[in-house]
Amino acid sequence: MRGWASPPESGTNAAQPVPAAPDLLMIMDAGAALNALAKFFQNSQTLTREEFSLLVSKSQNRDSGRKP
């Protein structure tokens, strides 16, 4: 079995692994993330990548407005 770093054999169309983006978000609470996005789009029509990252990151905070 070949490792991930090995180049593909010439002439093959094998899928190459894609390295994870260094700024990849870890979404632990998908419901909170979707809630935050839904609230955002009630008043806005566009969302930049930076805004998305900030919005989702804030939604994952355990103290993001939820009551115990």
C-alpha atoms as a PDB file:
ATOM      1  CA  MET A   1       0.000   0.000   0.000  1.00  0.00           C
ATOM      2  CA  ARG A   2       1.370   3.413  -0.917  1.00  0.00           C
ATOM      3  CA  GLY A   3       1.550   6.364   1.507  1.00  0.00           C
ATOM      4  CA  TRP A   4      -0.252   9.654   0.998  1.00  0.00           C
ATOM      5  CA  ALA A   5       2.954  11.417  -0.057  1.00  0.00           C
ATOM      6  CA  SER A   6       3.664   9.073  -2.966  1.00  0.00           C
ATOM      7  CA  PRO A   7       3.046  10.591  -6.390  1.00  0.00           C
ATOM      8  CA  PRO A   8       0.426   8.871  -8.552  1.00  0.00           C
ATOM      9  CA  GLU A   9       1.549   6.480 -11.229  1.00  0.00           C
ATOM     10  CA  SER A  10       1.597   8.171 -14.599  1.00  0.00           C
ATOM     11  CA  GLY A  11      -1.560   7.672 -16.600  1.00  0.00           C
ATOM     12  CA  THR A  12      -3.854   7.100 -13.597  1.00  0.00           C
ATOM     13  CA  ASN A  13      -6.744   9.275 -12.560  1.00  0.00           C
ATOM     14  CA  ALA A  14      -6.538   8.381  -8.879  1.00  0.00           C
ATOM     15  CA  ALA A  15      -7.991  10.969  -6.532  1.00  0.00           C
ATOM     16  CA  GLN A  16      -5.355  12.824  -4.589  1.00  0.00           C
ATOM     17  CA  PRO A  17      -5.896  13.641  -0.905  1.00  0.00           C
ATOM     18  CA  VAL A  18      -6.635  17.278  -0.223  1.00  0.00           C
ATOM     19  CA  PRO A  19      -4.821  18.772   2.761  1.00  0.00           C
ATOM     20  CA  ALA A  20      -7.064  20.341   5.370  1.00  0.00           C
ATOM     21  CA  ALA A  21      -7.192  24.111   5.396  1.00  0.00           C
ATOM     22  CA  PRO A  22      -5.304  25.530   8.367  1.00  0.00           C
ATOM     23  CA  ASP A  23      -8.294  27.707   9.296  1.00  0.00           C
ATOM     24  CA  LEU A  24     -10.805  24.849   9.151  1.00  0.00           C
ATOM     25  CA  LEU A  25     -13.606  25.334  11.674  1.00  0.00           C
ATOM     26  CA  MET A  26     -14.390  22.637  14.210  1.00  0.00           C
ATOM     27  CA  ILE A  27     -18.182  22.569  14.499  1.00  0.00           C
ATOM     28  CA  MET A  28     -19.195  20.701  17.626  1.00  0.00           C
ATOM     29  CA  ASP A  29     -22.760  22.047  17.852  1.00  0.00           C
ATOM     30  CA  ALA A  30     -24.252  21.989  14.358  1.00  0.00           C
ATOM     31  CA  GLY A  31     -27.634  23.190  15.627  1.00  0.00           C
ATOM     32  CA  ALA A  32     -26.111  26.324  17.132  1.00  0.00           C
ATOM     33  CA  ALA A  33     -24.180  27.004  13.920  1.00  0.00           C
ATOM     34  CA  LEU A  34     -27.305  26.649  11.770  1.00  0.00           C
ATOM     35  CA  ASN A  35     -29.275  28.824  14.178  1.00  0.00           C
ATOM     36  CA  ALA A  36     -26.661  31.580  13.956  1.00  0.00           C
ATOM     37  CA  LEU A  37     -26.646  31.383  10.157  1.00  0.00           C
ATOM     38  CA  ALA A  38     -30.447  31.483   9.972  1.00  0.00           C
ATOM     39  CA  LYS A  39     -30.552  34.579  12.192  1.00  0.00           C
ATOM     40  CA  PHE A  40     -27.868  36.246  10.078  1.00  0.00           C
ATOM     41  CA  PHE A  41     -29.763  35.656   6.829  1.00  0.00           C
ATOM     42  CA  GLN A  42     -32.994  37.078   8.248  1.00  0.00           C
ATOM     43  CA  ASN A  43     -31.409  40.533   7.841  1.00  0.00           C
ATOM     44  CA  SER A  44     -28.611  39.997   5.302  1.00  0.00           C
ATOM     45  CA  GLN A  45     -28.263  38.489   1.855  1.00  0.00           C
ATOM     46  CA  THR A  46     -24.515  37.918   1.569  1.00  0.00           C
ATOM     47  CA  LEU A  47     -21.904  36.451   3.854  1.00  0.00           C
ATOM     48  CA  THR A  48     -18.150  36.632   3.332  1.00  0.00           C
ATOM     49  CA  ARG A  49     -15.866  33.754   4.280  1.00  0.00           C
ATOM     50  CA  GLU A  50     -14.490  35.832   7.160  1.00  0.00           C
ATOM     51  CA  GLU A  51     -17.997  36.650   8.415  1.00  0.00           C
ATOM     52  CA  PHE A  52     -18.952  32.980   8.160  1.00  0.00           C
ATOM     53  CA  SER A  53     -15.909  31.894  10.172  1.00  0.00           C
ATOM     54  CA  LEU A  54     -16.561  34.494  12.858  1.00  0.00           C
ATOM     55  CA  LEU A  55     -20.277  33.739  13.044  1.00  0.00           C
ATOM     56  CA  VAL A  56     -19.811  29.980  13.325  1.00  0.00           C
ATOM     57  CA  SER A  57     -16.923  30.325  15.788  1.00  0.00           C
ATOM     58  CA  LYS A  58     -19.028  32.528  18.043  1.00  0.00           C
ATOM     59  CA  SER A  59     -21.937  30.077  17.815  1.00  0.00           C
ATOM     60  CA  GLN A  60     -19.735  27.291  19.180  1.00  0.00           C
ATOM     61  CA  ASN A  61     -19.055  29.200  22.403  1.00  0.00           C
ATOM     62  CA  ARG A  62     -20.896  27.439  25.225  1.00  0.00           C
ATOM     63  CA  ASP A  63     -21.916  30.835  26.613  1.00  0.00           C
ATOM     64  CA  SER A  64     -23.473  31.985  23.331  1.00  0.00           C
ATOM     65  CA  GLY A  65     -26.762  32.947  24.891  1.00  0.00           C
ATOM     66  CA  ARG A  66     -28.026  29.526  25.839  1.00  0.00           C
ATOM     67  CA  LYS A  67     -29.609  29.111  29.218  1.00  0.00           C
ATOM     68  CA  PRO A  68     -28.536  26.130  31.336  1.00  0.00           C
END
